[in-house]
Amino acid sequence: DIQTGVPIVTAGGSRSLSPPDILVGTVSRVVERVGSAGPVLEIELVADLSNLSFLRVLLYQPITEKVAP
């Protein structure tokens, strides 16, 4: 369960565009959804958006591997 106040950080990794553990913001609101979809999160960003000229948001889609029976 994701709760308000949880820090949101970069993941890093070999294919990442940024190093790990850079603070992006904190969860300010969690809106639960019905069904299999996860919750919608509102994030209070650390960055001052009035001074930001470029932003890229990457959505993580885990690759599910098929396991042989």
PDB file of N, CA and C in Angstrom:
ATOM      1  N   ASP A   1       0.834  -1.193   0.000  1.00  0.00           N
ATOM      2  CA  ASP A   1       0.000   0.000   0.000  1.00  0.00           C
ATOM      3  C   ASP A   1       0.872   1.247   0.000  1.00  0.00           C
ATOM      4  N   ILE A   2       0.563   2.146  -0.896  1.00  0.00           N
ATOM      5  CA  ILE A   2       1.286   3.415  -0.971  1.00  0.00           C
ATOM      6  C   ILE A   2       0.515   4.437  -0.150  1.00  0.00           C
ATOM      7  N   GLN A   3       1.232   5.187   0.677  1.00  0.00           N
ATOM      8  CA  GLN A   3       0.599   6.174   1.540  1.00  0.00           C
ATOM      9  C   GLN A   3       1.191   7.550   1.286  1.00  0.00           C
ATOM     10  N   THR A   4       0.484   8.589   1.734  1.00  0.00           N
ATOM     11  CA  THR A   4       0.995   9.946   1.584  1.00  0.00           C
ATOM     12  C   THR A   4       2.296  10.090   2.366  1.00  0.00           C
ATOM     13  N   GLY A   5       3.164  10.942   1.855  1.00  0.00           N
ATOM     14  CA  GLY A   5       4.448  11.184   2.500  1.00  0.00           C
ATOM     15  C   GLY A   5       5.567  10.283   2.025  1.00  0.00           C
ATOM     16  N   VAL A   6       5.244   9.255   1.239  1.00  0.00           N
ATOM     17  CA  VAL A   6       6.264   8.326   0.742  1.00  0.00           C
ATOM     18  C   VAL A   6       7.124   9.045  -0.293  1.00  0.00           C
ATOM     19  N   PRO A   7       8.456   8.979  -0.168  1.00  0.00           N
ATOM     20  CA  PRO A   7       9.315   9.629  -1.162  1.00  0.00           C
ATOM     21  C   PRO A   7       9.290   8.883  -2.495  1.00  0.00           C
ATOM     22  N   ILE A   8       9.359   9.635  -3.582  1.00  0.00           N
ATOM     23  CA  ILE A   8       9.461   9.082  -4.930  1.00  0.00           C
ATOM     24  C   ILE A   8      10.870   9.392  -5.418  1.00  0.00           C
ATOM     25  N   VAL A   9      11.625   8.350  -5.761  1.00  0.00           N
ATOM     26  CA  VAL A   9      13.018   8.519  -6.181  1.00  0.00           C
ATOM     27  C   VAL A   9      13.243   7.836  -7.525  1.00  0.00           C
ATOM     28  N   THR A  10      14.326   8.214  -8.187  1.00  0.00           N
ATOM     29  CA  THR A  10      14.692   7.559  -9.442  1.00  0.00           C
ATOM     30  C   THR A  10      15.180   6.153  -9.144  1.00  0.00           C
ATOM     31  N   ALA A  11      14.966   5.253 -10.111  1.00  0.00           N
ATOM     32  CA  ALA A  11      15.323   3.852  -9.914  1.00  0.00           C
ATOM     33  C   ALA A  11      16.770   3.557 -10.277  1.00  0.00           C
ATOM     34  N   GLY A  12      17.321   4.299 -11.232  1.00  0.00           N
ATOM     35  CA  GLY A  12      18.674   3.984 -11.692  1.00  0.00           C
ATOM     36  C   GLY A  12      18.657   2.721 -12.517  1.00  0.00           C
ATOM     37  N   GLY A  13      19.739   2.002 -12.517  1.00  0.00           N
ATOM     38  CA  GLY A  13      19.815   0.763 -13.283  1.00  0.00           C
ATOM     39  C   GLY A  13      20.619   0.936 -14.550  1.00  0.00           C
ATOM     40  N   SER A  14      20.910  -0.174 -15.192  1.00  0.00           N
ATOM     41  CA  SER A  14      21.801  -0.150 -16.354  1.00  0.00           C
ATOM     42  C   SER A  14      21.201   0.563 -17.554  1.00  0.00           C
ATOM     43  N   ARG A  15      19.869   0.591 -17.670  1.00  0.00           N
ATOM     44  CA  ARG A  15      19.243   1.250 -18.816  1.00  0.00           C
ATOM     45  C   ARG A  15      18.593   2.577 -18.445  1.00  0.00           C
ATOM     46  N   SER A  16      18.849   3.063 -17.249  1.00  0.00           N
ATOM     47  CA  SER A  16      18.229   4.291 -16.779  1.00  0.00           C
ATOM     48  C   SER A  16      18.951   5.521 -17.310  1.00  0.00           C
ATOM     49  N   LEU A  17      18.194   6.602 -17.459  1.00  0.00           N
ATOM     50  CA  LEU A  17      18.779   7.869 -17.884  1.00  0.00           C
ATOM     51  C   LEU A  17      19.316   8.673 -16.708  1.00  0.00           C
ATOM     52  N   SER A  18      19.031   8.237 -15.486  1.00  0.00           N
ATOM     53  CA  SER A  18      19.496   8.966 -14.307  1.00  0.00           C
ATOM     54  C   SER A  18      20.024   7.987 -13.264  1.00  0.00           C
ATOM     55  N   PRO A  19      20.876   8.473 -12.376  1.00  0.00           N
ATOM     56  CA  PRO A  19      21.384   7.599 -11.313  1.00  0.00           C
ATOM     57  C   PRO A  19      20.274   7.262 -10.313  1.00  0.00           C
ATOM     58  N   PRO A  20      20.474   6.233  -9.499  1.00  0.00           N
ATOM     59  CA  PRO A  20      19.442   5.840  -8.537  1.00  0.00           C
ATOM     60  C   PRO A  20      19.334   6.806  -7.363  1.00  0.00           C
ATOM     61  N   ASP A  21      18.181   6.781  -6.733  1.00  0.00           N
ATOM     62  CA  ASP A  21      17.916   7.447  -5.451  1.00  0.00           C
ATOM     63  C   ASP A  21      17.956   8.969  -5.487  1.00  0.00           C
ATOM     64  N   ILE A  22      17.635   9.579  -6.634  1.00  0.00           N
ATOM     65  CA  ILE A  22      17.478  11.036  -6.679  1.00  0.00           C
ATOM     66  C   ILE A  22      16.025  11.337  -6.323  1.00  0.00           C
ATOM     67  N   LEU A  23      15.818  12.171  -5.315  1.00  0.00           N
ATOM     68  CA  LEU A  23      14.467  12.496  -4.866  1.00  0.00           C
ATOM     69  C   LEU A  23      13.740  13.310  -5.932  1.00  0.00           C
ATOM     70  N   VAL A  24      12.572  12.819  -6.345  1.00  0.00           N
ATOM     71  CA  VAL A  24      11.737  13.506  -7.327  1.00  0.00           C
ATOM     72  C   VAL A  24      10.635  14.280  -6.613  1.00  0.00           C
ATOM     73  N   GLY A  25      10.062  13.694  -5.576  1.00  0.00           N
ATOM     74  CA  GLY A  25       8.983  14.330  -4.826  1.00  0.00           C
ATOM     75  C   GLY A  25       8.444  13.377  -3.781  1.00  0.00           C
ATOM     76  N   THR A  26       7.291  13.737  -3.214  1.00  0.00           N
ATOM     77  CA  THR A  26       6.635  12.880  -2.231  1.00  0.00           C
ATOM     78  C   THR A  26       5.168  12.709  -2.616  1.00  0.00           C
ATOM     79  N   VAL A  27       4.595  11.584  -2.235  1.00  0.00           N
ATOM     80  CA  VAL A  27       3.188  11.316  -2.519  1.00  0.00           C
ATOM     81  C   VAL A  27       2.340  12.244  -1.656  1.00  0.00           C
ATOM     82  N   SER A  28       1.492  13.052  -2.312  1.00  0.00           N
ATOM     83  CA  SER A  28       0.634  13.974  -1.568  1.00  0.00           C
ATOM     84  C   SER A  28      -0.813  13.487  -1.493  1.00  0.00           C
ATOM     85  N   ARG A  29      -1.183  12.574  -2.409  1.00  0.00           N
ATOM     86  CA  ARG A  29      -2.556  12.052  -2.400  1.00  0.00           C
ATOM     87  C   ARG A  29      -2.583  10.709  -3.115  1.00  0.00           C
ATOM     88  N   VAL A  30      -3.374   9.782  -2.586  1.00  0.00           N
ATOM     89  CA  VAL A  30      -3.553   8.461  -3.196  1.00  0.00           C
ATOM     90  C   VAL A  30      -5.039   8.287  -3.495  1.00  0.00           C
ATOM     91  N   VAL A  31      -5.357   8.029  -4.767  1.00  0.00           N
ATOM     92  CA  VAL A  31      -6.747   7.805  -5.174  1.00  0.00           C
ATOM     93  C   VAL A  31      -6.863   6.358  -5.630  1.00  0.00           C
ATOM     94  N   GLU A  32      -7.575   5.554  -4.856  1.00  0.00           N
ATOM     95  CA  GLU A  32      -7.746   4.136  -5.189  1.00  0.00           C
ATOM     96  C   GLU A  32      -8.704   4.003  -6.366  1.00  0.00           C
ATOM     97  N   ARG A  33      -8.448   3.001  -7.223  1.00  0.00           N
ATOM     98  CA  ARG A  33      -9.320   2.723  -8.365  1.00  0.00           C
ATOM     99  C   ARG A  33      -9.892   1.319  -8.236  1.00  0.00           C
ATOM    100  N   VAL A  34     -11.050   1.127  -8.804  1.00  0.00           N
ATOM    101  CA  VAL A  34     -11.713  -0.176  -8.784  1.00  0.00           C
ATOM    102  C   VAL A  34     -11.137  -1.034  -9.903  1.00  0.00           C
ATOM    103  N   GLY A  35     -10.975  -2.308  -9.638  1.00  0.00           N
ATOM    104  CA  GLY A  35     -10.469  -3.218 -10.655  1.00  0.00           C
ATOM    105  C   GLY A  35      -9.005  -3.519 -10.447  1.00  0.00           C
ATOM    106  N   SER A  36      -8.373  -3.973 -11.506  1.00  0.00           N
ATOM    107  CA  SER A  36      -6.983  -4.409 -11.401  1.00  0.00           C
ATOM    108  C   SER A  36      -5.978  -3.276 -11.517  1.00  0.00           C
ATOM    109  N   ALA A  37      -6.428  -2.101 -11.941  1.00  0.00           N
ATOM    110  CA  ALA A  37      -5.506  -0.971 -12.074  1.00  0.00           C
ATOM    111  C   ALA A  37      -5.075  -0.493 -10.694  1.00  0.00           C
ATOM    112  N   GLY A  38      -3.831  -0.070 -10.605  1.00  0.00           N
ATOM    113  CA  GLY A  38      -3.324   0.445  -9.343  1.00  0.00           C
ATOM    114  C   GLY A  38      -3.870   1.833  -9.057  1.00  0.00           C
ATOM    115  N   PRO A  39      -3.497   2.407  -7.927  1.00  0.00           N
ATOM    116  CA  PRO A  39      -4.002   3.724  -7.555  1.00  0.00           C
ATOM    117  C   PRO A  39      -3.392   4.831  -8.418  1.00  0.00           C
ATOM    118  N   VAL A  40      -4.063   5.975  -8.430  1.00  0.00           N
ATOM    119  CA  VAL A  40      -3.530   7.184  -9.047  1.00  0.00           C
ATOM    120  C   VAL A  40      -2.834   7.960  -7.936  1.00  0.00           C
ATOM    121  N   LEU A  41      -1.603   8.382  -8.190  1.00  0.00           N
ATOM    122  CA  LEU A  41      -0.838   9.110  -7.179  1.00  0.00           C
ATOM    123  C   LEU A  41      -0.655  10.557  -7.596  1.00  0.00           C
ATOM    124  N   GLU A  42      -0.862  11.470  -6.663  1.00  0.00           N
ATOM    125  CA  GLU A  42      -0.493  12.863  -6.874  1.00  0.00           C
ATOM    126  C   GLU A  42       0.835  13.060  -6.157  1.00  0.00           C
ATOM    127  N   ILE A  43       1.793  13.646  -6.862  1.00  0.00           N
ATOM    128  CA  ILE A  43       3.145  13.808  -6.334  1.00  0.00           C
ATOM    129  C   ILE A  43       3.459  15.287  -6.172  1.00  0.00           C
ATOM    130  N   GLU A  44       3.932  15.663  -4.995  1.00  0.00           N
ATOM    131  CA  GLU A  44       4.433  17.020  -4.784  1.00  0.00           C
ATOM    132  C   GLU A  44       5.903  17.001  -5.181  1.00  0.00           C
ATOM    133  N   LEU A  45       6.200  17.685  -6.277  1.00  0.00           N
ATOM    134  CA  LEU A  45       7.551  17.643  -6.826  1.00  0.00           C
ATOM    135  C   LEU A  45       8.529  18.473  -6.016  1.00  0.00           C
ATOM    136  N   VAL A  46       9.774  18.034  -6.006  1.00  0.00           N
ATOM    137  CA  VAL A  46      10.844  18.779  -5.357  1.00  0.00           C
ATOM    138  C   VAL A  46      11.266  19.948  -6.246  1.00  0.00           C
ATOM    139  N   ALA A  47      11.258  19.725  -7.568  1.00  0.00           N
ATOM    140  CA  ALA A  47      11.710  20.736  -8.527  1.00  0.00           C
ATOM    141  C   ALA A  47      10.717  21.890  -8.615  1.00  0.00           C
ATOM    142  N   ASP A  48      11.244  23.075  -8.833  1.00  0.00           N
ATOM    143  CA  ASP A  48      10.442  24.268  -9.077  1.00  0.00           C
ATOM    144  C   ASP A  48      10.100  24.286 -10.566  1.00  0.00           C
ATOM    145  N   LEU A  49       8.855  23.959 -10.901  1.00  0.00           N
ATOM    146  CA  LEU A  49       8.469  23.828 -12.308  1.00  0.00           C
ATOM    147  C   LEU A  49       8.545  25.142 -13.079  1.00  0.00           C
ATOM    148  N   SER A  50       8.529  26.265 -12.389  1.00  0.00           N
ATOM    149  CA  SER A  50       8.631  27.545 -13.100  1.00  0.00           C
ATOM    150  C   SER A  50      10.035  27.749 -13.672  1.00  0.00           C
ATOM    151  N   ASN A  51      11.022  27.003 -13.178  1.00  0.00           N
ATOM    152  CA  ASN A  51      12.390  27.090 -13.689  1.00  0.00           C
ATOM    153  C   ASN A  51      12.779  25.875 -14.520  1.00  0.00           C
ATOM    154  N   LEU A  52      11.810  25.048 -14.871  1.00  0.00           N
ATOM    155  CA  LEU A  52      12.082  23.816 -15.599  1.00  0.00           C
ATOM    156  C   LEU A  52      11.789  24.016 -17.081  1.00  0.00           C
ATOM    157  N   SER A  53      12.753  23.654 -17.932  1.00  0.00           N
ATOM    158  CA  SER A  53      12.534  23.820 -19.369  1.00  0.00           C
ATOM    159  C   SER A  53      12.279  22.487 -20.072  1.00  0.00           C
ATOM    160  N   PHE A  54      12.570  21.363 -19.415  1.00  0.00           N
ATOM    161  CA  PHE A  54      12.376  20.051 -20.035  1.00  0.00           C
ATOM    162  C   PHE A  54      12.074  19.027 -18.954  1.00  0.00           C
ATOM    163  N   LEU A  55      11.122  18.153 -19.230  1.00  0.00           N
ATOM    164  CA  LEU A  55      10.769  17.091 -18.292  1.00  0.00           C
ATOM    165  C   LEU A  55      10.392  15.850 -19.088  1.00  0.00           C
ATOM    166  N   ARG A  56      10.919  14.716 -18.694  1.00  0.00           N
ATOM    167  CA  ARG A  56      10.556  13.444 -19.331  1.00  0.00           C
ATOM    168  C   ARG A  56      10.028  12.513 -18.240  1.00  0.00           C
ATOM    169  N   VAL A  57       8.841  11.984 -18.459  1.00  0.00           N
ATOM    170  CA  VAL A  57       8.241  11.028 -17.533  1.00  0.00           C
ATOM    171  C   VAL A  57       8.254   9.666 -18.208  1.00  0.00           C
ATOM    172  N   LEU A  58       8.840   8.693 -17.543  1.00  0.00           N
ATOM    173  CA  LEU A  58       8.912   7.335 -18.072  1.00  0.00           C
ATOM    174  C   LEU A  58       8.016   6.442 -17.236  1.00  0.00           C
ATOM    175  N   LEU A  59       7.132   5.715 -17.879  1.00  0.00           N
ATOM    176  CA  LEU A  59       6.254   4.787 -17.178  1.00  0.00           C
ATOM    177  C   LEU A  59       6.866   3.402 -17.222  1.00  0.00           C
ATOM    178  N   TYR A  60       7.013   2.800 -16.066  1.00  0.00           N
ATOM    179  CA  TYR A  60       7.637   1.487 -15.959  1.00  0.00           C
ATOM    180  C   TYR A  60       6.612   0.408 -16.258  1.00  0.00           C
ATOM    181  N   GLN A  61       6.906  -0.445 -17.202  1.00  0.00           N
ATOM    182  CA  GLN A  61       6.067  -1.584 -17.550  1.00  0.00           C
ATOM    183  C   GLN A  61       6.910  -2.840 -17.350  1.00  0.00           C
ATOM    184  N   PRO A  62       6.747  -3.552 -16.233  1.00  0.00           N
ATOM    185  CA  PRO A  62       7.578  -4.735 -16.004  1.00  0.00           C
ATOM    186  C   PRO A  62       7.342  -5.794 -17.073  1.00  0.00           C
ATOM    187  N   ILE A  63       8.396  -6.460 -17.449  1.00  0.00           N
ATOM    188  CA  ILE A  63       8.312  -7.542 -18.424  1.00  0.00           C
ATOM    189  C   ILE A  63       7.994  -8.822 -17.663  1.00  0.00           C
ATOM    190  N   THR A  64       6.926  -9.458 -18.045  1.00  0.00           N
ATOM    191  CA  THR A  64       6.565 -10.713 -17.384  1.00  0.00           C
ATOM    192  C   THR A  64       7.115 -11.863 -18.207  1.00  0.00           C
ATOM    193  N   GLU A  65       7.851 -12.714 -17.542  1.00  0.00           N
ATOM    194  CA  GLU A  65       8.444 -13.864 -18.214  1.00  0.00           C
ATOM    195  C   GLU A  65       7.531 -15.065 -18.050  1.00  0.00           C
ATOM    196  N   LYS A  66       7.396 -15.821 -19.117  1.00  0.00           N
ATOM    197  CA  LYS A  66       6.598 -17.036 -19.051  1.00  0.00           C
ATOM    198  C   LYS A  66       7.457 -18.151 -18.468  1.00  0.00           C
ATOM    199  N   VAL A  67       6.903 -18.826 -17.475  1.00  0.00           N
ATOM    200  CA  VAL A  67       7.607 -19.918 -16.819  1.00  0.00           C
ATOM    201  C   VAL A  67       7.097 -21.228 -17.408  1.00  0.00           C
ATOM    202  N   ALA A  68       8.027 -22.073 -17.810  1.00  0.00           N
ATOM    203  CA  ALA A  68       7.646 -23.372 -18.376  1.00  0.00           C
ATOM    204  C   ALA A  68       6.978 -24.227 -17.308  1.00  0.00           C
ATOM    205  N   PRO A  69       5.932 -24.965 -17.671  1.00  0.00           N
ATOM    206  CA  PRO A  69       5.231 -25.809 -16.674  1.00  0.00           C
ATOM    207  C   PRO A  69       6.082 -26.964 -16.191  1.00  0.00           C
TER     208      PRO A  69
END
